[in-house]
Each structure stands twice: as structure tokens, then as C-alpha cells.
Amino acid sequence: MNDDYEEDFVGCGTWDQMTAWLADSLPEIPVGVTIDFGPRDFAVDEDSLTDDFDEPLDAVCAQIVALEHGRLLVRRSHVVMEASSFVHHDASAATPNHWFTEDPTSDCTDGAIYVDDPALAADICVTWLATESGEPTPADFGFDLSEAEHLPGISASGGQWTIDDFLRRLGH
């Protein structure tokens, strides 16, 4: 997954533990952070994402994007998804708890949903990975975080969150 954190893996023994860990962690994740879940041993480098592929890279993946006001965007796919860059992170006008099957980025093959409940977001994400992979535990899954960057000359608001905070929640 991420070269800087090669040992990033879900680290939970059961799918239920992963759901609980994720539900507890999501409220603390700052706006703009994207969490990508996929096969632990599946390495995708920047060059392979920018190459012109006739076919997308197959893998059961899920993605959660932290939006403003506690809203979360959960995306599900059978292909590798890129971290999305949105114009803004205010999705208050979006309809929550409604599946969207259309995808403007074409890398989200199995729909997306906006949710306001971290437990529901975690359940959607983990259930997708468990069901579609057929794996008995999440041991073969890893994650990658894309942290939001602050614009130059504008001070960061809120607490200073780091990937280490997220990893501590896993016991790393």
C-alpha cells in the first residue's frame, strides 16, 4: 500500500473488530482525509496509476472520504480507486443514505453513499470488503491514507491530526 508505512494493515482479527475500530476512528479523522482499503499485498505506485491501461487494475477496494460537518462518503469498487480531489468538502446539499450508482471518475464500480453515521459508514465499508473478497478475516487487507494539504499562507484550523494518531488506534 503506502511505501512510507509498509506495515499499514487493518490489524484486526475479525471483521467485527475492524468495523468497531473504524467506527470509533472515523469521528477523529479531519476533513479531506481519504482512507483507501484494499488487498494488503497489492502495490500500486504512481507510475502504474498514470500509465494508460486498457483495463483498470482489479481488486476489491473501498474508500472513505471525510467531509465537512461529520458527513462521510463511502465508495465501493472492484478496481483500484485513486484518492479523489474534490472542489470542496461540503456535502451538506447531498442526499444522505441514498446509493449513487453513477460515478464521474469511473473508478467506483459499485456505488457510493453519503452517510452521517460513522458506524454505518464503517459497516458499509467492512461488509463490502468481507462479502466481495470472501476472506474469513481482514488479515489480507491494508489501507492507505491521503491527508489533505493546507493551502500555502492559510493557517490550519482545528487540532493537528497525523497518520500516527490513526496507527495508534490500531496498536501499531
Protein backbone atom coordinates (compact mmCIF):
# COMPACT_ATOMS: atom_id res chain seq x y z
CA MET A 1 0.00 0.00 0.00
CA ASN A 2 1.87 3.15 1.15
CA ASP A 3 5.68 3.00 0.93
CA ASP A 4 6.07 5.23 4.00
CA TYR A 5 4.03 2.86 6.13
CA GLU A 6 4.71 -0.56 4.67
CA GLU A 7 3.32 -2.23 7.77
CA ASP A 8 -0.06 -0.49 7.48
CA PHE A 9 -2.63 -3.21 7.67
CA VAL A 10 -6.00 -3.46 9.19
CA GLY A 11 -4.56 -5.38 12.14
CA CYS A 12 -7.92 -6.64 13.37
CA GLY A 13 -8.57 -10.34 13.92
CA THR A 14 -12.20 -10.30 12.80
CA TRP A 15 -14.42 -8.28 10.51
CA ASP A 16 -16.49 -7.21 13.54
CA GLN A 17 -13.34 -5.86 15.22
CA MET A 18 -12.49 -3.95 12.05
CA THR A 19 -15.98 -2.43 11.94
CA ALA A 20 -15.74 -1.34 15.60
CA TRP A 21 -12.22 0.09 15.17
CA LEU A 22 -13.21 2.02 12.05
CA ALA A 23 -16.45 3.34 13.56
CA ASP A 24 -14.52 4.58 16.63
CA SER A 25 -11.78 6.16 14.48
CA LEU A 26 -13.85 7.98 11.85
CA PRO A 27 -15.11 10.87 14.03
CA GLU A 28 -11.50 11.92 14.73
CA ILE A 29 -10.38 11.99 11.10
CA PRO A 30 -10.10 15.54 9.72
CA VAL A 31 -11.98 16.85 6.70
CA GLY A 32 -10.29 16.00 3.42
CA VAL A 33 -8.60 12.79 4.54
CA THR A 34 -9.22 9.77 2.30
CA ILE A 35 -8.82 6.21 3.59
CA ASP A 36 -8.37 3.57 0.90
CA PHE A 37 -8.80 -0.11 1.78
CA GLY A 38 -7.57 -2.88 -0.48
CA PRO A 39 -5.51 -6.06 -0.65
CA ARG A 40 -2.53 -5.77 1.70
CA ASP A 41 -0.02 -7.15 -0.79
CA PHE A 42 -1.32 -5.11 -3.73
CA ALA A 43 1.30 -2.47 -4.51
CA VAL A 44 0.31 0.39 -6.77
CA ASP A 45 2.94 3.01 -7.48
CA GLU A 46 2.42 6.44 -9.01
CA ASP A 47 3.77 5.30 -12.41
CA SER A 48 1.23 2.50 -12.72
CA LEU A 49 -1.63 4.90 -11.96
CA THR A 50 -0.55 7.33 -14.66
CA ASP A 51 0.12 4.70 -17.35
CA ASP A 52 -2.52 4.27 -20.00
CA PHE A 53 -4.19 0.97 -19.17
CA ASP A 54 -6.77 -0.61 -21.41
CA GLU A 55 -8.22 -2.29 -18.34
CA PRO A 56 -8.35 -0.97 -14.76
CA LEU A 57 -6.42 -2.83 -12.05
CA ASP A 58 -8.80 -5.39 -10.49
CA ALA A 59 -9.03 -5.51 -6.70
CA VAL A 60 -11.80 -5.39 -4.12
CA CYS A 61 -11.47 -1.89 -2.67
CA ALA A 62 -13.36 0.56 -0.51
CA GLN A 63 -12.74 4.21 0.20
CA ILE A 64 -13.97 6.61 2.86
CA VAL A 65 -13.60 10.38 2.46
CA ALA A 66 -14.10 12.65 5.49
CA LEU A 67 -16.28 15.60 4.51
CA GLU A 68 -17.43 18.68 6.40
CA HIS A 69 -19.97 18.57 9.23
CA GLY A 70 -19.25 14.91 10.02
CA ARG A 71 -20.51 13.61 6.68
CA LEU A 72 -18.62 10.70 5.12
CA LEU A 73 -18.51 9.50 1.52
CA VAL A 74 -18.17 5.72 1.18
CA ARG A 75 -17.18 4.36 -2.23
CA ARG A 76 -17.04 0.67 -3.25
CA SER A 77 -15.25 -0.85 -6.20
CA HIS A 78 -13.85 -3.93 -7.88
CA VAL A 79 -10.96 -1.86 -9.28
CA VAL A 80 -8.27 0.27 -7.67
CA MET A 81 -9.58 3.74 -6.90
CA GLU A 82 -7.50 6.89 -6.81
CA ALA A 83 -7.77 9.35 -3.96
CA SER A 84 -10.27 11.90 -5.17
CA SER A 85 -9.66 15.61 -5.11
CA PHE A 86 -12.90 17.47 -4.58
CA VAL A 87 -13.66 21.13 -5.27
CA HIS A 88 -14.74 21.45 -1.64
CA HIS A 89 -15.66 19.10 1.17
CA ASP A 90 -19.10 20.47 1.99
CA ALA A 91 -21.61 17.79 1.01
CA SER A 92 -24.49 19.22 3.06
CA ALA A 93 -26.60 19.50 -0.10
CA ALA A 94 -26.06 15.83 -0.98
CA THR A 95 -28.80 13.34 -0.18
CA PRO A 96 -27.59 11.15 2.71
CA ASN A 97 -28.28 7.40 2.89
CA HIS A 98 -29.04 7.14 -0.83
CA TRP A 99 -26.96 4.94 -3.15
CA PHE A 100 -25.45 6.63 -6.15
CA THR A 101 -24.52 4.27 -8.94
CA GLU A 102 -23.20 6.87 -11.37
CA ASP A 103 -19.56 7.77 -10.88
CA PRO A 104 -17.92 10.74 -12.57
CA THR A 105 -14.43 9.29 -12.01
CA SER A 106 -15.16 5.82 -13.49
CA ASP A 107 -13.12 4.05 -10.81
CA CYS A 108 -16.00 3.40 -8.41
CA THR A 109 -17.67 0.34 -9.93
CA ASP A 110 -20.22 -0.45 -7.23
CA GLY A 111 -21.70 2.77 -5.98
CA ALA A 112 -21.20 5.43 -3.38
CA ILE A 113 -23.20 6.78 -0.48
CA TYR A 114 -23.07 9.82 1.80
CA VAL A 115 -23.65 9.00 5.45
CA ASP A 116 -23.63 10.97 8.67
CA ASP A 117 -23.22 7.99 10.99
CA PRO A 118 -19.63 6.71 11.39
CA ALA A 119 -20.91 3.26 12.46
CA LEU A 120 -22.97 2.98 9.28
CA ALA A 121 -20.01 4.11 7.13
CA ALA A 122 -17.77 1.53 8.81
CA ASP A 123 -20.37 -1.21 8.38
CA ILE A 124 -20.86 -0.44 4.67
CA CYS A 125 -17.11 -0.42 4.04
CA VAL A 126 -16.24 -3.55 6.01
CA THR A 127 -19.26 -5.58 4.87
CA TRP A 128 -18.30 -4.82 1.26
CA LEU A 129 -14.71 -5.97 1.77
CA ALA A 130 -15.74 -9.12 3.64
CA THR A 131 -18.51 -10.13 1.26
CA GLU A 132 -16.75 -9.38 -2.02
CA SER A 133 -13.38 -10.80 -1.02
CA GLY A 134 -14.72 -13.96 0.59
CA GLU A 135 -11.85 -13.77 3.09
CA PRO A 136 -12.61 -15.14 6.58
CA THR A 137 -10.75 -12.25 8.29
CA PRO A 138 -9.42 -8.82 7.33
CA ALA A 139 -5.80 -10.02 7.69
CA ASP A 140 -5.14 -9.71 3.95
CA PHE A 141 -6.33 -6.09 3.79
CA GLY A 142 -4.36 -2.91 4.19
CA PHE A 143 -5.12 0.76 3.99
CA ASP A 144 -3.57 3.92 2.70
CA LEU A 145 -4.27 7.44 3.91
CA SER A 146 -4.23 10.55 1.77
CA GLU A 147 -4.02 13.54 4.04
CA ALA A 148 -5.49 16.84 2.98
CA GLU A 149 -2.93 19.53 2.25
CA HIS A 150 -3.34 23.06 3.54
CA LEU A 151 -3.07 25.90 1.07
CA PRO A 152 0.09 27.97 1.46
CA GLY A 153 -0.34 31.09 3.56
CA ILE A 154 -3.51 29.83 5.24
CA SER A 155 -3.21 28.53 8.78
CA ALA A 156 -4.60 25.11 9.56
CA SER A 157 -7.76 25.10 11.65
CA GLY A 158 -8.60 22.55 14.29
CA GLY A 159 -6.31 20.10 16.03
CA GLN A 160 -3.21 18.73 14.40
CA TRP A 161 -4.03 15.16 13.40
CA THR A 162 -1.41 12.80 11.98
CA ILE A 163 -1.34 9.34 10.49
CA ASP A 164 0.41 8.25 13.69
CA ASP A 165 -2.82 9.02 15.57
CA PHE A 166 -4.65 6.63 13.28
CA LEU A 167 -1.96 3.95 13.60
CA ARG A 168 -2.01 4.20 17.40
CA ARG A 169 -5.67 3.26 17.28
CA LEU A 170 -4.58 0.02 15.60
CA GLY A 171 -1.95 -0.70 18.24
CA HIS A 172 0.97 -0.06 15.86
